[in-house]
ModelCIF file with pLDDT and N, C-alpha, C, O atoms, coordinates in Angstrom:
data_MODEL
#
_entry.id   MODEL 
#
_entity.id                         1 
_entity.type                       polymer 
_entity.pdbx_number_of_molecules   1 
#
_entity_poly.entity_id                      1 
_entity_poly.type                           'polypeptide(L)' 
_entity_poly.nstd_linkage                   no 
_entity_poly.nstd_monomer                   no 
_entity_poly.pdbx_seq_one_letter_code       STCSLEREENEEVVEWFLKSRDDFQAISSETVRTWPHRDETDGFY 
_entity_poly.pdbx_seq_one_letter_code_can   STCSLEREENEEVVEWFLKSRDDFQAISSETVRTWPHRDETDGFY 
_entity_poly.pdbx_strand_id                 A 
#
loop_
_entity_poly_seq.entity_id 
_entity_poly_seq.num 
_entity_poly_seq.mon_id 
_entity_poly_seq.hetero 
1 1  SER n 
1 2  THR n 
1 3  CYS n 
1 4  SER n 
1 5  LEU n 
1 6  GLU n 
1 7  ARG n 
1 8  GLU n 
1 9  GLU n 
1 10 ASN n 
1 11 GLU n 
1 12 GLU n 
1 13 VAL n 
1 14 VAL n 
1 15 GLU n 
1 16 TRP n 
1 17 PHE n 
1 18 LEU n 
1 19 LYS n 
1 20 SER n 
1 21 ARG n 
1 22 ASP n 
1 23 ASP n 
1 24 PHE n 
1 25 GLN n 
1 26 ALA n 
1 27 ILE n 
1 28 SER n 
1 29 SER n 
1 30 GLU n 
1 31 THR n 
1 32 VAL n 
1 33 ARG n 
1 34 THR n 
1 35 TRP n 
1 36 PRO n 
1 37 HIS n 
1 38 ARG n 
1 39 ASP n 
1 40 GLU n 
1 41 THR n 
1 42 ASP n 
1 43 GLY n 
1 44 PHE n 
1 45 TYR n 
#
_struct_asym.id          A 
_struct_asym.entity_id   1 
#
loop_
_ma_qa_metric.id 
_ma_qa_metric.mode 
_ma_qa_metric.name 
_ma_qa_metric.software_group_id 
_ma_qa_metric.type 
1 global pLDDT . pLDDT 
2 local  pLDDT . pLDDT 
#
_ma_qa_metric_global.metric_id      1 
_ma_qa_metric_global.metric_value   97.36 
_ma_qa_metric_global.model_id       1 
_ma_qa_metric_global.ordinal_id     1 
#
loop_
_ma_qa_metric_local.label_asym_id 
_ma_qa_metric_local.label_comp_id 
_ma_qa_metric_local.label_seq_id 
_ma_qa_metric_local.metric_id 
_ma_qa_metric_local.metric_value 
_ma_qa_metric_local.model_id 
_ma_qa_metric_local.ordinal_id 
A SER 1  2 98.00 1 1  
A THR 2  2 98.00 1 2  
A CYS 3  2 98.00 1 3  
A SER 4  2 98.00 1 4  
A LEU 5  2 98.00 1 5  
A GLU 6  2 98.00 1 6  
A ARG 7  2 98.00 1 7  
A GLU 8  2 98.00 1 8  
A GLU 9  2 98.00 1 9  
A ASN 10 2 98.00 1 10 
A GLU 11 2 98.00 1 11 
A GLU 12 2 98.00 1 12 
A VAL 13 2 98.00 1 13 
A VAL 14 2 98.00 1 14 
A GLU 15 2 98.00 1 15 
A TRP 16 2 98.00 1 16 
A PHE 17 2 98.00 1 17 
A LEU 18 2 98.00 1 18 
A LYS 19 2 97.00 1 19 
A SER 20 2 95.00 1 20 
A ARG 21 2 95.00 1 21 
A ASP 22 2 95.00 1 22 
A ASP 23 2 97.00 1 23 
A PHE 24 2 98.00 1 24 
A GLN 25 2 97.00 1 25 
A ALA 26 2 98.00 1 26 
A ILE 27 2 97.00 1 27 
A SER 28 2 95.00 1 28 
A SER 29 2 96.00 1 29 
A GLU 30 2 97.00 1 30 
A THR 31 2 97.00 1 31 
A VAL 32 2 97.00 1 32 
A ARG 33 2 98.00 1 33 
A THR 34 2 98.00 1 34 
A TRP 35 2 98.00 1 35 
A PRO 36 2 98.00 1 36 
A HIS 37 2 97.00 1 37 
A ARG 38 2 97.00 1 38 
A ASP 39 2 96.00 1 39 
A GLU 40 2 95.00 1 40 
A THR 41 2 97.00 1 41 
A ASP 42 2 98.00 1 42 
A GLY 43 2 98.00 1 43 
A PHE 44 2 98.00 1 44 
A TYR 45 2 98.00 1 45 
#
loop_
_atom_site.group_PDB 
_atom_site.id 
_atom_site.type_symbol 
_atom_site.label_atom_id 
_atom_site.label_alt_id 
_atom_site.label_comp_id 
_atom_site.label_asym_id 
_atom_site.label_entity_id 
_atom_site.label_seq_id 
_atom_site.pdbx_PDB_ins_code 
_atom_site.Cartn_x 
_atom_site.Cartn_y 
_atom_site.Cartn_z 
_atom_site.occupancy 
_atom_site.B_iso_or_equiv 
_atom_site.pdbx_formal_charge 
_atom_site.auth_seq_id 
_atom_site.auth_comp_id 
_atom_site.auth_asym_id 
_atom_site.auth_atom_id 
_atom_site.pdbx_PDB_model_num 
ATOM 1   N N  . SER A 1 1  ? -2.176  0.607   6.224  1.00 98.00 ? 1  SER A N  1 
ATOM 2   C CA . SER A 1 1  ? -3.148  -0.312  5.331  1.00 98.00 ? 1  SER A CA 1 
ATOM 3   C C  . SER A 1 1  ? -4.573  0.213   5.124  1.00 98.00 ? 1  SER A C  1 
ATOM 4   O O  . SER A 1 1  ? -5.154  1.028   5.841  1.00 98.00 ? 1  SER A O  1 
ATOM 5   N N  . THR A 1 2  ? -4.986  -0.323  4.148  1.00 98.00 ? 2  THR A N  1 
ATOM 6   C CA . THR A 1 2  ? -6.408  0.062   3.647  1.00 98.00 ? 2  THR A CA 1 
ATOM 7   C C  . THR A 1 2  ? -7.103  -1.217  3.111  1.00 98.00 ? 2  THR A C  1 
ATOM 8   O O  . THR A 1 2  ? -6.438  -2.175  2.716  1.00 98.00 ? 2  THR A O  1 
ATOM 9   N N  . CYS A 1 3  ? -8.379  -1.208  3.107  1.00 98.00 ? 3  CYS A N  1 
ATOM 10  C CA . CYS A 1 3  ? -9.101  -2.278  2.516  1.00 98.00 ? 3  CYS A CA 1 
ATOM 11  C C  . CYS A 1 3  ? -9.656  -1.709  1.028  1.00 98.00 ? 3  CYS A C  1 
ATOM 12  O O  . CYS A 1 3  ? -10.756 -2.011  0.566  1.00 98.00 ? 3  CYS A O  1 
ATOM 13  N N  . SER A 1 4  ? -8.792  -0.929  0.448  1.00 98.00 ? 4  SER A N  1 
ATOM 14  C CA . SER A 1 4  ? -9.126  -0.113  -0.955 1.00 98.00 ? 4  SER A CA 1 
ATOM 15  C C  . SER A 1 4  ? -8.369  -0.733  -1.871 1.00 98.00 ? 4  SER A C  1 
ATOM 16  O O  . SER A 1 4  ? -7.344  -1.335  -1.551 1.00 98.00 ? 4  SER A O  1 
ATOM 17  N N  . LEU A 1 5  ? -8.746  -0.656  -2.944 1.00 98.00 ? 5  LEU A N  1 
ATOM 18  C CA . LEU A 1 5  ? -8.033  -1.234  -4.337 1.00 98.00 ? 5  LEU A CA 1 
ATOM 19  C C  . LEU A 1 5  ? -7.162  -0.034  -4.904 1.00 98.00 ? 5  LEU A C  1 
ATOM 20  O O  . LEU A 1 5  ? -6.177  -0.247  -5.612 1.00 98.00 ? 5  LEU A O  1 
ATOM 21  N N  . GLU A 1 6  ? -7.580  1.227   -4.555 1.00 98.00 ? 6  GLU A N  1 
ATOM 22  C CA . GLU A 1 6  ? -7.230  2.342   -5.294 1.00 98.00 ? 6  GLU A CA 1 
ATOM 23  C C  . GLU A 1 6  ? -5.887  3.022   -5.195 1.00 98.00 ? 6  GLU A C  1 
ATOM 24  O O  . GLU A 1 6  ? -5.581  3.555   -4.129 1.00 98.00 ? 6  GLU A O  1 
ATOM 25  N N  . ARG A 1 7  ? -5.066  3.044   -6.217 1.00 98.00 ? 7  ARG A N  1 
ATOM 26  C CA . ARG A 1 7  ? -3.677  3.789   -5.991 1.00 98.00 ? 7  ARG A CA 1 
ATOM 27  C C  . ARG A 1 7  ? -3.677  5.139   -5.099 1.00 98.00 ? 7  ARG A C  1 
ATOM 28  O O  . ARG A 1 7  ? -2.862  5.355   -4.201 1.00 98.00 ? 7  ARG A O  1 
ATOM 29  N N  . GLU A 1 8  ? -4.760  6.047   -5.503 1.00 98.00 ? 8  GLU A N  1 
ATOM 30  C CA . GLU A 1 8  ? -4.869  7.150   -4.684 1.00 98.00 ? 8  GLU A CA 1 
ATOM 31  C C  . GLU A 1 8  ? -4.730  7.005   -3.143 1.00 98.00 ? 8  GLU A C  1 
ATOM 32  O O  . GLU A 1 8  ? -4.055  7.782   -2.467 1.00 98.00 ? 8  GLU A O  1 
ATOM 33  N N  . GLU A 1 9  ? -5.426  5.941   -2.636 1.00 98.00 ? 9  GLU A N  1 
ATOM 34  C CA . GLU A 1 9  ? -5.500  5.824   -1.152 1.00 98.00 ? 9  GLU A CA 1 
ATOM 35  C C  . GLU A 1 9  ? -4.306  4.821   -0.672 1.00 98.00 ? 9  GLU A C  1 
ATOM 36  O O  . GLU A 1 9  ? -4.164  4.495   0.507  1.00 98.00 ? 9  GLU A O  1 
ATOM 37  N N  . ASN A 1 10 ? -3.636  4.463   -1.519 1.00 98.00 ? 10 ASN A N  1 
ATOM 38  C CA . ASN A 1 10 ? -2.531  3.251   -1.161 1.00 98.00 ? 10 ASN A CA 1 
ATOM 39  C C  . ASN A 1 10 ? -1.090  3.897   -1.655 1.00 98.00 ? 10 ASN A C  1 
ATOM 40  O O  . ASN A 1 10 ? -0.568  4.851   -1.078 1.00 98.00 ? 10 ASN A O  1 
ATOM 41  N N  . GLU A 1 11 ? -0.562  3.277   -2.735 1.00 98.00 ? 11 GLU A N  1 
ATOM 42  C CA . GLU A 1 11 ? 0.781   3.631   -3.049 1.00 98.00 ? 11 GLU A CA 1 
ATOM 43  C C  . GLU A 1 11 ? 1.169   5.169   -3.066 1.00 98.00 ? 11 GLU A C  1 
ATOM 44  O O  . GLU A 1 11 ? 2.250   5.586   -2.649 1.00 98.00 ? 11 GLU A O  1 
ATOM 45  N N  . GLU A 1 12 ? 0.170   5.960   -3.592 1.00 98.00 ? 12 GLU A N  1 
ATOM 46  C CA . GLU A 1 12 ? 0.293   7.404   -3.588 1.00 98.00 ? 12 GLU A CA 1 
ATOM 47  C C  . GLU A 1 12 ? 0.432   8.143   -2.301 1.00 98.00 ? 12 GLU A C  1 
ATOM 48  O O  . GLU A 1 12 ? 1.197   9.086   -2.096 1.00 98.00 ? 12 GLU A O  1 
ATOM 49  N N  . VAL A 1 13 ? -0.467  7.559   -1.393 1.00 98.00 ? 13 VAL A N  1 
ATOM 50  C CA . VAL A 1 13 ? -0.295  8.248   0.048  1.00 98.00 ? 13 VAL A CA 1 
ATOM 51  C C  . VAL A 1 13 ? 1.077   8.035   0.637  1.00 98.00 ? 13 VAL A C  1 
ATOM 52  O O  . VAL A 1 13 ? 1.766   8.951   1.087  1.00 98.00 ? 13 VAL A O  1 
ATOM 53  N N  . VAL A 1 14 ? 1.502   6.499   0.598  1.00 98.00 ? 14 VAL A N  1 
ATOM 54  C CA . VAL A 1 14 ? 2.786   6.222   1.039  1.00 98.00 ? 14 VAL A CA 1 
ATOM 55  C C  . VAL A 1 14 ? 3.936   7.148   0.238  1.00 98.00 ? 14 VAL A C  1 
ATOM 56  O O  . VAL A 1 14 ? 4.732   7.910   0.788  1.00 98.00 ? 14 VAL A O  1 
ATOM 57  N N  . GLU A 1 15 ? 3.830   6.909   -1.092 1.00 98.00 ? 15 GLU A N  1 
ATOM 58  C CA . GLU A 1 15 ? 5.017   7.682   -1.689 1.00 98.00 ? 15 GLU A CA 1 
ATOM 59  C C  . GLU A 1 15 ? 5.076   9.349   -1.137 1.00 98.00 ? 15 GLU A C  1 
ATOM 60  O O  . GLU A 1 15 ? 6.118   9.948   -0.871 1.00 98.00 ? 15 GLU A O  1 
ATOM 61  N N  . TRP A 1 16 ? 3.904   9.824   -1.059 1.00 98.00 ? 16 TRP A N  1 
ATOM 62  C CA . TRP A 1 16 ? 3.932   11.328  -0.585 1.00 98.00 ? 16 TRP A CA 1 
ATOM 63  C C  . TRP A 1 16 ? 4.450   11.418  0.759  1.00 98.00 ? 16 TRP A C  1 
ATOM 64  O O  . TRP A 1 16 ? 5.114   12.397  1.100  1.00 98.00 ? 16 TRP A O  1 
ATOM 65  N N  . PHE A 1 17 ? 4.205   10.502  1.516  1.00 98.00 ? 17 PHE A N  1 
ATOM 66  C CA . PHE A 1 17 ? 4.624   10.433  3.014  1.00 98.00 ? 17 PHE A CA 1 
ATOM 67  C C  . PHE A 1 17 ? 6.126   10.452  2.824  1.00 98.00 ? 17 PHE A C  1 
ATOM 68  O O  . PHE A 1 17 ? 6.776   11.374  3.318  1.00 98.00 ? 17 PHE A O  1 
ATOM 69  N N  . LEU A 1 18 ? 6.699   9.511   2.153  1.00 98.00 ? 18 LEU A N  1 
ATOM 70  C CA . LEU A 1 18 ? 7.999   9.287   2.183  1.00 98.00 ? 18 LEU A CA 1 
ATOM 71  C C  . LEU A 1 18 ? 8.880   10.299  1.614  1.00 98.00 ? 18 LEU A C  1 
ATOM 72  O O  . LEU A 1 18 ? 10.075  10.351  1.904  1.00 98.00 ? 18 LEU A O  1 
ATOM 73  N N  . LYS A 1 19 ? 8.265   11.166  0.743  1.00 97.00 ? 19 LYS A N  1 
ATOM 74  C CA . LYS A 1 19 ? 8.879   12.227  0.054  1.00 97.00 ? 19 LYS A CA 1 
ATOM 75  C C  . LYS A 1 19 ? 9.027   13.332  1.024  1.00 97.00 ? 19 LYS A C  1 
ATOM 76  O O  . LYS A 1 19 ? 9.925   14.170  0.940  1.00 97.00 ? 19 LYS A O  1 
ATOM 77  N N  . SER A 1 20 ? 8.089   13.314  1.982  1.00 95.00 ? 20 SER A N  1 
ATOM 78  C CA . SER A 1 20 ? 7.956   14.401  2.738  1.00 95.00 ? 20 SER A CA 1 
ATOM 79  C C  . SER A 1 20 ? 8.813   14.230  4.247  1.00 95.00 ? 20 SER A C  1 
ATOM 80  O O  . SER A 1 20 ? 8.861   15.184  5.023  1.00 95.00 ? 20 SER A O  1 
ATOM 81  N N  . ARG A 1 21 ? 9.382   13.100  4.519  1.00 95.00 ? 21 ARG A N  1 
ATOM 82  C CA . ARG A 1 21 ? 9.807   12.710  5.706  1.00 95.00 ? 21 ARG A CA 1 
ATOM 83  C C  . ARG A 1 21 ? 11.263  11.691  5.285  1.00 95.00 ? 21 ARG A C  1 
ATOM 84  O O  . ARG A 1 21 ? 11.297  10.703  4.551  1.00 95.00 ? 21 ARG A O  1 
ATOM 85  N N  . ASP A 1 22 ? 12.288  12.293  5.979  1.00 95.00 ? 22 ASP A N  1 
ATOM 86  C CA . ASP A 1 22 ? 13.412  11.524  5.696  1.00 95.00 ? 22 ASP A CA 1 
ATOM 87  C C  . ASP A 1 22 ? 13.882  10.623  6.688  1.00 95.00 ? 22 ASP A C  1 
ATOM 88  O O  . ASP A 1 22 ? 14.885  9.947   6.462  1.00 95.00 ? 22 ASP A O  1 
ATOM 89  N N  . ASP A 1 23 ? 13.128  10.521  8.007  1.00 97.00 ? 23 ASP A N  1 
ATOM 90  C CA . ASP A 1 23 ? 13.115  9.641   8.861  1.00 97.00 ? 23 ASP A CA 1 
ATOM 91  C C  . ASP A 1 23 ? 12.480  8.439   8.861  1.00 97.00 ? 23 ASP A C  1 
ATOM 92  O O  . ASP A 1 23 ? 12.377  7.750   9.876  1.00 97.00 ? 23 ASP A O  1 
ATOM 93  N N  . PHE A 1 24 ? 11.973  8.087   7.618  1.00 98.00 ? 24 PHE A N  1 
ATOM 94  C CA . PHE A 1 24 ? 11.165  6.867   7.558  1.00 98.00 ? 24 PHE A CA 1 
ATOM 95  C C  . PHE A 1 24 ? 11.580  6.060   6.018  1.00 98.00 ? 24 PHE A C  1 
ATOM 96  O O  . PHE A 1 24 ? 11.733  6.696   4.975  1.00 98.00 ? 24 PHE A O  1 
ATOM 97  N N  . GLN A 1 25 ? 11.679  5.016   6.089  1.00 97.00 ? 25 GLN A N  1 
ATOM 98  C CA . GLN A 1 25 ? 11.901  4.258   4.866  1.00 97.00 ? 25 GLN A CA 1 
ATOM 99  C C  . GLN A 1 25 ? 10.874  3.020   4.895  1.00 97.00 ? 25 GLN A C  1 
ATOM 100 O O  . GLN A 1 25 ? 10.313  2.587   5.902  1.00 97.00 ? 25 GLN A O  1 
ATOM 101 N N  . ALA A 1 26 ? 10.732  2.495   3.452  1.00 98.00 ? 26 ALA A N  1 
ATOM 102 C CA . ALA A 1 26 ? 9.580   1.528   3.437  1.00 98.00 ? 26 ALA A CA 1 
ATOM 103 C C  . ALA A 1 26 ? 10.368  0.241   3.433  1.00 98.00 ? 26 ALA A C  1 
ATOM 104 O O  . ALA A 1 26 ? 11.471  0.251   2.886  1.00 98.00 ? 26 ALA A O  1 
ATOM 105 N N  . ILE A 1 27 ? 9.929   -0.831  3.973  1.00 97.00 ? 27 ILE A N  1 
ATOM 106 C CA . ILE A 1 27 ? 10.614  -1.910  3.981  1.00 97.00 ? 27 ILE A CA 1 
ATOM 107 C C  . ILE A 1 27 ? 9.884   -2.777  2.856  1.00 97.00 ? 27 ILE A C  1 
ATOM 108 O O  . ILE A 1 27 ? 8.925   -3.517  3.075  1.00 97.00 ? 27 ILE A O  1 
ATOM 109 N N  . SER A 1 28 ? 10.465  -2.576  1.670  1.00 95.00 ? 28 SER A N  1 
ATOM 110 C CA . SER A 1 28 ? 9.776   -2.903  0.278  1.00 95.00 ? 28 SER A CA 1 
ATOM 111 C C  . SER A 1 28 ? 9.403   -4.472  0.146  1.00 95.00 ? 28 SER A C  1 
ATOM 112 O O  . SER A 1 28 ? 8.488   -4.921  -0.545 1.00 95.00 ? 28 SER A O  1 
ATOM 113 N N  . SER A 1 29 ? 10.222  -5.149  0.883  1.00 96.00 ? 29 SER A N  1 
ATOM 114 C CA . SER A 1 29 ? 9.994   -6.610  0.867  1.00 96.00 ? 29 SER A CA 1 
ATOM 115 C C  . SER A 1 29 ? 8.526   -7.011  1.621  1.00 96.00 ? 29 SER A C  1 
ATOM 116 O O  . SER A 1 29 ? 7.988   -8.102  1.432  1.00 96.00 ? 29 SER A O  1 
ATOM 117 N N  . GLU A 1 30 ? 8.063   -6.152  2.345  1.00 97.00 ? 30 GLU A N  1 
ATOM 118 C CA . GLU A 1 30 ? 6.904   -6.408  3.327  1.00 97.00 ? 30 GLU A CA 1 
ATOM 119 C C  . GLU A 1 30 ? 5.583   -5.713  2.726  1.00 97.00 ? 30 GLU A C  1 
ATOM 120 O O  . GLU A 1 30 ? 4.489   -5.888  3.263  1.00 97.00 ? 30 GLU A O  1 
ATOM 121 N N  . THR A 1 31 ? 5.749   -4.906  1.570  1.00 97.00 ? 31 THR A N  1 
ATOM 122 C CA . THR A 1 31 ? 4.594   -4.490  0.878  1.00 97.00 ? 31 THR A CA 1 
ATOM 123 C C  . THR A 1 31 ? 3.719   -5.417  0.402  1.00 97.00 ? 31 THR A C  1 
ATOM 124 O O  . THR A 1 31 ? 4.217   -6.245  -0.360 1.00 97.00 ? 31 THR A O  1 
ATOM 125 N N  . VAL A 1 32 ? 2.475   -5.520  0.650  1.00 97.00 ? 32 VAL A N  1 
ATOM 126 C CA . VAL A 1 32 ? 1.462   -6.516  -0.004 1.00 97.00 ? 32 VAL A CA 1 
ATOM 127 C C  . VAL A 1 32 ? 0.350   -6.031  -0.465 1.00 97.00 ? 32 VAL A C  1 
ATOM 128 O O  . VAL A 1 32 ? -0.068  -4.996  0.055  1.00 97.00 ? 32 VAL A O  1 
ATOM 129 N N  . ARG A 1 33 ? -0.353  -6.611  -1.479 1.00 98.00 ? 33 ARG A N  1 
ATOM 130 C CA . ARG A 1 33 ? -1.532  -6.321  -1.977 1.00 98.00 ? 33 ARG A CA 1 
ATOM 131 C C  . ARG A 1 33 ? -2.459  -7.722  -2.142 1.00 98.00 ? 33 ARG A C  1 
ATOM 132 O O  . ARG A 1 33 ? -2.011  -8.735  -2.681 1.00 98.00 ? 33 ARG A O  1 
ATOM 133 N N  . THR A 1 34 ? -3.613  -7.631  -1.676 1.00 98.00 ? 34 THR A N  1 
ATOM 134 C CA . THR A 1 34 ? -4.409  -8.838  -1.993 1.00 98.00 ? 34 THR A CA 1 
ATOM 135 C C  . THR A 1 34 ? -5.421  -8.531  -2.779 1.00 98.00 ? 34 THR A C  1 
ATOM 136 O O  . THR A 1 34 ? -5.717  -7.336  -2.799 1.00 98.00 ? 34 THR A O  1 
ATOM 137 N N  . TRP A 1 35 ? -6.112  -9.330  -3.508 1.00 98.00 ? 35 TRP A N  1 
ATOM 138 C CA . TRP A 1 35 ? -7.186  -9.249  -4.435 1.00 98.00 ? 35 TRP A CA 1 
ATOM 139 C C  . TRP A 1 35 ? -8.153  -10.410 -4.388 1.00 98.00 ? 35 TRP A C  1 
ATOM 140 O O  . TRP A 1 35 ? -7.810  -11.590 -4.323 1.00 98.00 ? 35 TRP A O  1 
ATOM 141 N N  . PRO A 1 36 ? -9.508  -9.921  -4.433 1.00 98.00 ? 36 PRO A N  1 
ATOM 142 C CA . PRO A 1 36 ? -10.576 -10.788 -4.486 1.00 98.00 ? 36 PRO A CA 1 
ATOM 143 C C  . PRO A 1 36 ? -10.444 -11.920 -5.569 1.00 98.00 ? 36 PRO A C  1 
ATOM 144 O O  . PRO A 1 36 ? -10.615 -13.102 -5.270 1.00 98.00 ? 36 PRO A O  1 
ATOM 145 N N  . HIS A 1 37 ? -10.157 -11.535 -6.743 1.00 97.00 ? 37 HIS A N  1 
ATOM 146 C CA . HIS A 1 37 ? -10.140 -12.493 -7.851 1.00 97.00 ? 37 HIS A CA 1 
ATOM 147 C C  . HIS A 1 37 ? -8.840  -13.374 -7.864 1.00 97.00 ? 37 HIS A C  1 
ATOM 148 O O  . HIS A 1 37 ? -8.828  -14.453 -8.455 1.00 97.00 ? 37 HIS A O  1 
ATOM 149 N N  . ARG A 1 38 ? -7.903  -12.954 -7.291 1.00 97.00 ? 38 ARG A N  1 
ATOM 150 C CA . ARG A 1 38 ? -6.544  -13.683 -7.401 1.00 97.00 ? 38 ARG A CA 1 
ATOM 151 C C  . ARG A 1 38 ? -6.328  -14.690 -6.061 1.00 97.00 ? 38 ARG A C  1 
ATOM 152 O O  . ARG A 1 38 ? -5.936  -15.857 -6.102 1.00 97.00 ? 38 ARG A O  1 
ATOM 153 N N  . ASP A 1 39 ? -6.677  -13.946 -4.917 1.00 96.00 ? 39 ASP A N  1 
ATOM 154 C CA . ASP A 1 39 ? -6.435  -14.491 -3.637 1.00 96.00 ? 39 ASP A CA 1 
ATOM 155 C C  . ASP A 1 39 ? -7.501  -15.042 -2.841 1.00 96.00 ? 39 ASP A C  1 
ATOM 156 O O  . ASP A 1 39 ? -7.291  -15.592 -1.760 1.00 96.00 ? 39 ASP A O  1 
ATOM 157 N N  . GLU A 1 40 ? -8.818  -14.885 -3.434 1.00 95.00 ? 40 GLU A N  1 
ATOM 158 C CA . GLU A 1 40 ? -9.974  -15.154 -2.732 1.00 95.00 ? 40 GLU A CA 1 
ATOM 159 C C  . GLU A 1 40 ? -10.228 -14.630 -1.342 1.00 95.00 ? 40 GLU A C  1 
ATOM 160 O O  . GLU A 1 40 ? -10.893 -15.237 -0.502 1.00 95.00 ? 40 GLU A O  1 
ATOM 161 N N  . THR A 1 41 ? -9.581  -13.319 -1.137 1.00 97.00 ? 41 THR A N  1 
ATOM 162 C CA . THR A 1 41 ? -9.704  -12.564 0.012  1.00 97.00 ? 41 THR A CA 1 
ATOM 163 C C  . THR A 1 41 ? -10.251 -11.272 -0.330 1.00 97.00 ? 41 THR A C  1 
ATOM 164 O O  . THR A 1 41 ? -10.507 -10.995 -1.502 1.00 97.00 ? 41 THR A O  1 
ATOM 165 N N  . ASP A 1 42 ? -10.489 -10.283 0.832  1.00 98.00 ? 42 ASP A N  1 
ATOM 166 C CA . ASP A 1 42 ? -10.669 -8.966  0.640  1.00 98.00 ? 42 ASP A CA 1 
ATOM 167 C C  . ASP A 1 42 ? -9.415  -8.323  -0.068 1.00 98.00 ? 42 ASP A C  1 
ATOM 168 O O  . ASP A 1 42 ? -8.318  -8.878  -0.016 1.00 98.00 ? 42 ASP A O  1 
ATOM 169 N N  . GLY A 1 43 ? -9.609  -7.191  -0.700 1.00 98.00 ? 43 GLY A N  1 
ATOM 170 C CA . GLY A 1 43 ? -8.442  -6.554  -1.297 1.00 98.00 ? 43 GLY A CA 1 
ATOM 171 C C  . GLY A 1 43 ? -7.923  -5.651  -0.288 1.00 98.00 ? 43 GLY A C  1 
ATOM 172 O O  . GLY A 1 43 ? -8.664  -4.808  0.217  1.00 98.00 ? 43 GLY A O  1 
ATOM 173 N N  . PHE A 1 44 ? -6.756  -5.761  0.028  1.00 98.00 ? 44 PHE A N  1 
ATOM 174 C CA . PHE A 1 44 ? -6.104  -4.974  0.992  1.00 98.00 ? 44 PHE A CA 1 
ATOM 175 C C  . PHE A 1 44 ? -4.684  -4.763  0.548  1.00 98.00 ? 44 PHE A C  1 
ATOM 176 O O  . PHE A 1 44 ? -3.998  -5.590  -0.053 1.00 98.00 ? 44 PHE A O  1 
ATOM 177 N N  . TYR A 1 45 ? -4.258  -3.313  0.991  1.00 98.00 ? 45 TYR A N  1 
ATOM 178 C CA . TYR A 1 45 ? -2.958  -2.962  0.629  1.00 98.00 ? 45 TYR A CA 1 
ATOM 179 C C  . TYR A 1 45 ? -2.204  -2.637  2.073  1.00 98.00 ? 45 TYR A C  1 
ATOM 180 O O  . TYR A 1 45 ? -1.022  -2.293  2.089  1.00 98.00 ? 45 TYR A O  1 
#
């Protein structure tokens, strides 16, 4: 997780990791983003 809104720190990091490791897989149904303007929370990935 991060409290960043940036793809470079979020999706791109996870995509890079999964491409380099065949012993991990993402549980896609549990991937979450929150947004200050949509959710009235901090922005987390």
